[in-house]
Amino acid sequence: MDLQRYYRLEAENEVLKKEKQELEEKLKSEQKRLREACGAWRRLAQQQPPKAEFVEQGYRETIDSGYHFKVYLVKDIPLDLDIEEVMKALKEDYAPLFHPYRVFAVRTNSRHGCWLV
């Protein structure tokens, strides 16, 4: 009798573990969504024009030709946003700042704590 109860409790425990894991995943995705929404509302509430701080420039040679590049720090975009949201913000708000250049690469920088474009 006790052995049957043990196996029943063991099966219930496995079901509860799966439910717990699903709830944790839902919680993480909801936290991510809320973080993105808070960042968007914060930027909207500040009503500040976007700005990008110039860091470095240079010239790179390729096999066919060369190109001139500039690197900017973008501190107004939160680091916890998805890359899709970052690209959308760059396209909508920062494109005039980079004219006549085009965005070649986007990455985070831990030393400056912001996005490098």
C-alpha atoms as a PDB file:
ATOM      1  CA  MET A   1       0.000   0.000   0.000  1.00  0.00           C
ATOM      2  CA  ASP A   2       2.757   2.436   0.881  1.00  0.00           C
ATOM      3  CA  LEU A   3       4.624   1.609  -2.319  1.00  0.00           C
ATOM      4  CA  GLN A   4       1.585   2.559  -4.429  1.00  0.00           C
ATOM      5  CA  ARG A   5       1.274   5.824  -2.556  1.00  0.00           C
ATOM      6  CA  TYR A   6       4.967   6.512  -3.111  1.00  0.00           C
ATOM      7  CA  TYR A   7       4.679   6.010  -6.889  1.00  0.00           C
ATOM      8  CA  ARG A   8       1.549   8.160  -7.044  1.00  0.00           C
ATOM      9  CA  LEU A   9       3.303  10.964  -5.161  1.00  0.00           C
ATOM     10  CA  GLU A  10       6.349  10.588  -7.388  1.00  0.00           C
ATOM     11  CA  ALA A  11       4.171  10.989 -10.519  1.00  0.00           C
ATOM     12  CA  GLU A  12       2.431  14.035  -9.011  1.00  0.00           C
ATOM     13  CA  ASN A  13       5.808  15.511  -8.193  1.00  0.00           C
ATOM     14  CA  GLU A  14       6.946  15.188 -11.827  1.00  0.00           C
ATOM     15  CA  VAL A  15       3.755  16.873 -13.048  1.00  0.00           C
ATOM     16  CA  LEU A  16       4.262  19.720 -10.577  1.00  0.00           C
ATOM     17  CA  LYS A  17       7.877  20.145 -11.677  1.00  0.00           C
ATOM     18  CA  LYS A  18       6.779  20.504 -15.304  1.00  0.00           C
ATOM     19  CA  GLU A  19       4.100  23.042 -14.353  1.00  0.00           C
ATOM     20  CA  LYS A  20       6.651  24.991 -12.309  1.00  0.00           C
ATOM     21  CA  GLN A  21       9.083  25.092 -15.228  1.00  0.00           C
ATOM     22  CA  GLU A  22       6.353  26.309 -17.621  1.00  0.00           C
ATOM     23  CA  LEU A  23       5.348  29.050 -15.186  1.00  0.00           C
ATOM     24  CA  GLU A  24       8.972  30.149 -14.777  1.00  0.00           C
ATOM     25  CA  GLU A  25       9.351  30.426 -18.561  1.00  0.00           C
ATOM     26  CA  LYS A  26       6.141  32.468 -18.804  1.00  0.00           C
ATOM     27  CA  LEU A  27       7.380  34.730 -16.007  1.00  0.00           C
ATOM     28  CA  LYS A  28      10.701  35.331 -17.757  1.00  0.00           C
ATOM     29  CA  SER A  29       9.010  36.230 -21.041  1.00  0.00           C
ATOM     30  CA  GLU A  30       6.607  38.576 -19.221  1.00  0.00           C
ATOM     31  CA  GLN A  31       9.533  40.251 -17.405  1.00  0.00           C
ATOM     32  CA  LYS A  32      11.267  40.789 -20.726  1.00  0.00           C
ATOM     33  CA  ARG A  33       8.139  42.307 -22.282  1.00  0.00           C
ATOM     34  CA  LEU A  34       7.614  44.614 -19.305  1.00  0.00           C
ATOM     35  CA  ARG A  35      11.258  45.730 -19.352  1.00  0.00           C
ATOM     36  CA  GLU A  36      10.932  46.679 -23.011  1.00  0.00           C
ATOM     37  CA  ALA A  37       7.666  48.515 -22.375  1.00  0.00           C
ATOM     38  CA  CYS A  38       9.150  50.439 -19.422  1.00  0.00           C
ATOM     39  CA  GLY A  39      12.117  51.507 -21.506  1.00  0.00           C
ATOM     40  CA  ALA A  40       9.844  52.735 -24.285  1.00  0.00           C
ATOM     41  CA  TRP A  41       7.674  54.691 -21.839  1.00  0.00           C
ATOM     42  CA  ARG A  42      10.730  56.177 -20.154  1.00  0.00           C
ATOM     43  CA  ARG A  43      12.118  57.417 -23.455  1.00  0.00           C
ATOM     44  CA  LEU A  44       8.712  58.798 -24.397  1.00  0.00           C
ATOM     45  CA  ALA A  45       8.313  60.565 -21.026  1.00  0.00           C
ATOM     46  CA  GLN A  46      11.731  62.183 -21.252  1.00  0.00           C
ATOM     47  CA  GLN A  47      10.908  63.642 -24.687  1.00  0.00           C
ATOM     48  CA  GLN A  48      14.574  64.059 -25.381  1.00  0.00           C
ATOM     49  CA  PRO A  49      15.915  64.138 -28.914  1.00  0.00           C
ATOM     50  CA  PRO A  50      18.118  61.145 -29.608  1.00  0.00           C
ATOM     51  CA  LYS A  51      21.852  61.696 -29.544  1.00  0.00           C
ATOM     52  CA  ALA A  52      24.851  59.591 -30.416  1.00  0.00           C
ATOM     53  CA  GLU A  53      28.321  60.290 -29.044  1.00  0.00           C
ATOM     54  CA  PHE A  54      31.171  60.010 -31.539  1.00  0.00           C
ATOM     55  CA  VAL A  55      33.936  57.640 -30.398  1.00  0.00           C
ATOM     56  CA  GLU A  56      36.316  56.854 -33.240  1.00  0.00           C
ATOM     57  CA  GLN A  57      36.750  56.864 -36.987  1.00  0.00           C
ATOM     58  CA  GLY A  58      39.041  55.166 -39.428  1.00  0.00           C
ATOM     59  CA  TYR A  59      39.607  53.716 -42.852  1.00  0.00           C
ATOM     60  CA  ARG A  60      39.580  50.027 -43.712  1.00  0.00           C
ATOM     61  CA  GLU A  61      40.972  48.447 -46.838  1.00  0.00           C
ATOM     62  CA  THR A  62      39.139  45.588 -48.495  1.00  0.00           C
ATOM     63  CA  ILE A  63      40.080  43.492 -51.506  1.00  0.00           C
ATOM     64  CA  ASP A  64      37.940  45.561 -53.878  1.00  0.00           C
ATOM     65  CA  SER A  65      38.169  48.991 -52.269  1.00  0.00           C
ATOM     66  CA  GLY A  66      38.173  50.701 -48.894  1.00  0.00           C
ATOM     67  CA  TYR A  67      35.660  52.446 -46.705  1.00  0.00           C
ATOM     68  CA  HIS A  68      35.611  55.170 -44.109  1.00  0.00           C
ATOM     69  CA  PHE A  69      33.858  54.322 -40.844  1.00  0.00           C
ATOM     70  CA  LYS A  70      32.731  56.088 -37.704  1.00  0.00           C
ATOM     71  CA  VAL A  71      31.781  54.490 -34.385  1.00  0.00           C
ATOM     72  CA  TYR A  72      29.120  56.080 -32.181  1.00  0.00           C
ATOM     73  CA  LEU A  73      27.959  55.378 -28.628  1.00  0.00           C
ATOM     74  CA  VAL A  74      24.177  55.311 -28.354  1.00  0.00           C
ATOM     75  CA  LYS A  75      23.313  55.669 -24.674  1.00  0.00           C
ATOM     76  CA  ASP A  76      19.593  56.423 -25.027  1.00  0.00           C
ATOM     77  CA  ILE A  77      18.648  52.865 -25.998  1.00  0.00           C
ATOM     78  CA  PRO A  78      18.502  50.469 -23.003  1.00  0.00           C
ATOM     79  CA  LEU A  79      20.821  47.467 -23.117  1.00  0.00           C
ATOM     80  CA  ASP A  80      18.056  45.039 -22.190  1.00  0.00           C
ATOM     81  CA  LEU A  81      16.096  45.559 -25.428  1.00  0.00           C
ATOM     82  CA  ASP A  82      16.012  42.896 -28.103  1.00  0.00           C
ATOM     83  CA  ILE A  83      18.106  43.568 -31.176  1.00  0.00           C
ATOM     84  CA  GLU A  84      14.925  43.933 -33.245  1.00  0.00           C
ATOM     85  CA  GLU A  85      13.781  46.804 -31.020  1.00  0.00           C
ATOM     86  CA  VAL A  86      17.239  48.379 -31.165  1.00  0.00           C
ATOM     87  CA  MET A  87      17.287  48.232 -34.954  1.00  0.00           C
ATOM     88  CA  LYS A  88      13.790  49.728 -35.078  1.00  0.00           C
ATOM     89  CA  ALA A  89      14.869  52.625 -32.825  1.00  0.00           C
ATOM     90  CA  LEU A  90      17.999  53.185 -34.906  1.00  0.00           C
ATOM     91  CA  LYS A  91      16.002  53.229 -38.113  1.00  0.00           C
ATOM     92  CA  GLU A  92      13.290  55.560 -36.818  1.00  0.00           C
ATOM     93  CA  ASP A  93      15.163  57.937 -34.507  1.00  0.00           C
ATOM     94  CA  TYR A  94      18.880  57.806 -35.282  1.00  0.00           C
ATOM     95  CA  ALA A  95      19.046  57.492 -39.077  1.00  0.00           C
ATOM     96  CA  PRO A  96      19.370  61.281 -39.624  1.00  0.00           C
ATOM     97  CA  LEU A  97      22.255  61.418 -37.129  1.00  0.00           C
ATOM     98  CA  PHE A  98      24.314  58.940 -39.136  1.00  0.00           C
ATOM     99  CA  HIS A  99      23.664  60.476 -42.575  1.00  0.00           C
ATOM    100  CA  PRO A 100      25.438  60.021 -45.053  1.00  0.00           C
ATOM    101  CA  TYR A 101      26.758  56.864 -43.385  1.00  0.00           C
ATOM    102  CA  ARG A 102      24.868  53.590 -43.051  1.00  0.00           C
ATOM    103  CA  VAL A 103      24.677  51.302 -40.052  1.00  0.00           C
ATOM    104  CA  PHE A 104      27.165  48.499 -40.603  1.00  0.00           C
ATOM    105  CA  ALA A 105      27.181  46.808 -37.176  1.00  0.00           C
ATOM    106  CA  VAL A 106      25.459  47.110 -33.805  1.00  0.00           C
ATOM    107  CA  ARG A 107      26.749  45.609 -30.571  1.00  0.00           C
ATOM    108  CA  THR A 108      26.842  46.247 -26.853  1.00  0.00           C
ATOM    109  CA  ASN A 109      29.888  47.565 -25.054  1.00  0.00           C
ATOM    110  CA  SER A 110      30.389  46.671 -21.406  1.00  0.00           C
ATOM    111  CA  ARG A 111      33.053  49.310 -20.818  1.00  0.00           C
ATOM    112  CA  HIS A 112      30.770  52.172 -21.832  1.00  0.00           C
ATOM    113  CA  GLY A 113      27.548  50.380 -20.863  1.00  0.00           C
ATOM    114  CA  CYS A 114      25.737  51.228 -24.096  1.00  0.00           C
ATOM    115  CA  TRP A 115      25.276  50.277 -27.737  1.00  0.00           C
ATOM    116  CA  LEU A 116      28.070  50.761 -30.296  1.00  0.00           C
ATOM    117  CA  VAL A 117      26.880  51.591 -33.814  1.00  0.00           C
END
